[in-house]
Amino acid sequence: MGKNVVMCLDGTNNKIRAAGNTNVVRLFDLLYST
């Protein structure tokens, strides 16, 4: 089975688990936790 590559780019310099994460950071966190 093939693998998927997902690139999540966010130019706001947010950090994971910070208050007020952008949708890009939330998506990365969701994909990383699966």
PDB file of N, CA and C in Angstrom:
ATOM      1  N   MET A   1       0.847  -1.177   0.000  1.00  0.00           N
ATOM      2  CA  MET A   1       0.000   0.000   0.000  1.00  0.00           C
ATOM      3  C   MET A   1       0.893   1.242   0.000  1.00  0.00           C
ATOM      4  N   GLY A   2       0.523   2.233  -0.782  1.00  0.00           N
ATOM      5  CA  GLY A   2       1.296   3.470  -0.862  1.00  0.00           C
ATOM      6  C   GLY A   2       1.111   4.353   0.354  1.00  0.00           C
ATOM      7  N   LYS A   3       1.998   5.309   0.473  1.00  0.00           N
ATOM      8  CA  LYS A   3       1.927   6.266   1.581  1.00  0.00           C
ATOM      9  C   LYS A   3       1.586   7.642   1.036  1.00  0.00           C
ATOM     10  N   ASN A   4       0.930   8.426   1.854  1.00  0.00           N
ATOM     11  CA  ASN A   4       0.598   9.806   1.496  1.00  0.00           C
ATOM     12  C   ASN A   4       1.559  10.756   2.189  1.00  0.00           C
ATOM     13  N   VAL A   5       1.929  11.803   1.500  1.00  0.00           N
ATOM     14  CA  VAL A   5       2.767  12.847   2.079  1.00  0.00           C
ATOM     15  C   VAL A   5       1.917  14.109   2.177  1.00  0.00           C
ATOM     16  N   VAL A   6       1.859  14.681   3.376  1.00  0.00           N
ATOM     17  CA  VAL A   6       1.081  15.899   3.604  1.00  0.00           C
ATOM     18  C   VAL A   6       2.027  16.962   4.123  1.00  0.00           C
ATOM     19  N   MET A   7       2.046  18.117   3.481  1.00  0.00           N
ATOM     20  CA  MET A   7       2.865  19.234   3.943  1.00  0.00           C
ATOM     21  C   MET A   7       1.939  20.290   4.529  1.00  0.00           C
ATOM     22  N   CYS A   8       2.188  20.648   5.786  1.00  0.00           N
ATOM     23  CA  CYS A   8       1.396  21.676   6.472  1.00  0.00           C
ATOM     24  C   CYS A   8       2.288  22.894   6.675  1.00  0.00           C
ATOM     25  N   LEU A   9       2.027  23.963   5.954  1.00  0.00           N
ATOM     26  CA  LEU A   9       2.836  25.177   6.026  1.00  0.00           C
ATOM     27  C   LEU A   9       2.018  26.291   6.658  1.00  0.00           C
ATOM     28  N   ASP A  10       2.592  26.909   7.667  1.00  0.00           N
ATOM     29  CA  ASP A  10       1.897  27.968   8.392  1.00  0.00           C
ATOM     30  C   ASP A  10       2.876  29.115   8.599  1.00  0.00           C
ATOM     31  N   GLY A  11       2.582  30.260   8.045  1.00  0.00           N
ATOM     32  CA  GLY A  11       3.488  31.396   8.130  1.00  0.00           C
ATOM     33  C   GLY A  11       3.302  32.266   9.355  1.00  0.00           C
ATOM     34  N   THR A  12       2.512  31.817  10.332  1.00  0.00           N
ATOM     35  CA  THR A  12       2.252  32.650  11.504  1.00  0.00           C
ATOM     36  C   THR A  12       3.153  32.322  12.682  1.00  0.00           C
ATOM     37  N   ASN A  13       4.041  31.312  12.533  1.00  0.00           N
ATOM     38  CA  ASN A  13       5.000  30.953  13.577  1.00  0.00           C
ATOM     39  C   ASN A  13       4.321  30.481  14.861  1.00  0.00           C
ATOM     40  N   ASN A  14       3.153  29.859  14.742  1.00  0.00           N
ATOM     41  CA  ASN A  14       2.485  29.303  15.921  1.00  0.00           C
ATOM     42  C   ASN A  14       3.198  28.048  16.391  1.00  0.00           C
ATOM     43  N   LYS A  15       2.985  27.720  17.631  1.00  0.00           N
ATOM     44  CA  LYS A  15       3.531  26.508  18.207  1.00  0.00           C
ATOM     45  C   LYS A  15       2.373  25.591  18.578  1.00  0.00           C
ATOM     46  N   ILE A  16       2.609  24.288  18.483  1.00  0.00           N
ATOM     47  CA  ILE A  16       1.574  23.322  18.843  1.00  0.00           C
ATOM     48  C   ILE A  16       1.248  23.459  20.322  1.00  0.00           C
ATOM     49  N   ARG A  17      -0.010  23.338  20.639  1.00  0.00           N
ATOM     50  CA  ARG A  17      -0.563  23.450  21.989  1.00  0.00           C
ATOM     51  C   ARG A  17      -0.640  24.892  22.483  1.00  0.00           C
ATOM     52  N   ALA A  18      -0.395  25.849  21.625  1.00  0.00           N
ATOM     53  CA  ALA A  18      -0.534  27.253  22.017  1.00  0.00           C
ATOM     54  C   ALA A  18      -2.007  27.640  21.971  1.00  0.00           C
ATOM     55  N   ALA A  19      -2.351  28.652  22.711  1.00  0.00           N
ATOM     56  CA  ALA A  19      -3.735  29.148  22.679  1.00  0.00           C
ATOM     57  C   ALA A  19      -3.982  29.817  21.333  1.00  0.00           C
ATOM     58  N   GLY A  20      -5.117  29.571  20.735  1.00  0.00           N
ATOM     59  CA  GLY A  20      -5.470  30.202  19.470  1.00  0.00           C
ATOM     60  C   GLY A  20      -4.717  29.652  18.280  1.00  0.00           C
ATOM     61  N   ASN A  21      -4.515  28.333  18.216  1.00  0.00           N
ATOM     62  CA  ASN A  21      -3.835  27.725  17.076  1.00  0.00           C
ATOM     63  C   ASN A  21      -4.588  27.988  15.778  1.00  0.00           C
ATOM     64  N   THR A  22      -3.843  28.128  14.688  1.00  0.00           N
ATOM     65  CA  THR A  22      -4.465  28.291  13.380  1.00  0.00           C
ATOM     66  C   THR A  22      -4.985  26.944  12.896  1.00  0.00           C
ATOM     67  N   ASN A  23      -5.781  26.969  11.839  1.00  0.00           N
ATOM     68  CA  ASN A  23      -6.312  25.728  11.276  1.00  0.00           C
ATOM     69  C   ASN A  23      -5.205  24.814  10.768  1.00  0.00           C
ATOM     70  N   VAL A  24      -4.110  25.376  10.275  1.00  0.00           N
ATOM     71  CA  VAL A  24      -2.992  24.566   9.789  1.00  0.00           C
ATOM     72  C   VAL A  24      -2.357  23.805  10.946  1.00  0.00           C
ATOM     73  N   VAL A  25      -2.147  24.462  12.069  1.00  0.00           N
ATOM     74  CA  VAL A  25      -1.566  23.806  13.241  1.00  0.00           C
ATOM     75  C   VAL A  25      -2.522  22.745  13.774  1.00  0.00           C
ATOM     76  N   ARG A  26      -3.809  23.038  13.778  1.00  0.00           N
ATOM     77  CA  ARG A  26      -4.800  22.048  14.232  1.00  0.00           C
ATOM     78  C   ARG A  26      -4.814  20.826  13.323  1.00  0.00           C
ATOM     79  N   LEU A  27      -4.740  21.039  12.004  1.00  0.00           N
ATOM     80  CA  LEU A  27      -4.717  19.933  11.057  1.00  0.00           C
ATOM     81  C   LEU A  27      -3.476  19.077  11.262  1.00  0.00           C
ATOM     82  N   PHE A  28      -2.312  19.706  11.419  1.00  0.00           N
ATOM     83  CA  PHE A  28      -1.079  18.965  11.665  1.00  0.00           C
ATOM     84  C   PHE A  28      -1.201  18.130  12.928  1.00  0.00           C
ATOM     85  N   ASP A  29      -1.713  18.716  13.983  1.00  0.00           N
ATOM     86  CA  ASP A  29      -1.872  18.010  15.255  1.00  0.00           C
ATOM     87  C   ASP A  29      -2.808  16.812  15.088  1.00  0.00           C
ATOM     88  N   LEU A  30      -3.893  16.995  14.351  1.00  0.00           N
ATOM     89  CA  LEU A  30      -4.843  15.912  14.106  1.00  0.00           C
ATOM     90  C   LEU A  30      -4.198  14.784  13.305  1.00  0.00           C
ATOM     91  N   LEU A  31      -3.478  15.126  12.246  1.00  0.00           N
ATOM     92  CA  LEU A  31      -2.837  14.110  11.417  1.00  0.00           C
ATOM     93  C   LEU A  31      -1.715  13.401  12.162  1.00  0.00           C
ATOM     94  N   TYR A  32      -0.964  14.125  12.973  1.00  0.00           N
ATOM     95  CA  TYR A  32       0.168  13.549  13.705  1.00  0.00           C
ATOM     96  C   TYR A  32      -0.302  12.575  14.773  1.00  0.00           C
ATOM     97  N   SER A  33      -1.474  12.827  15.350  1.00  0.00           N
ATOM     98  CA  SER A  33      -1.960  11.984  16.442  1.00  0.00           C
ATOM     99  C   SER A  33      -2.594  10.687  15.948  1.00  0.00           C
ATOM    100  N   THR A  34      -2.793  10.527  14.625  1.00  0.00           N
ATOM    101  CA  THR A  34      -3.413   9.295  14.119  1.00  0.00           C
ATOM    102  C   THR A  34      -2.397   8.263  13.727  1.00  0.00           C
TER     103      THR A  34
END
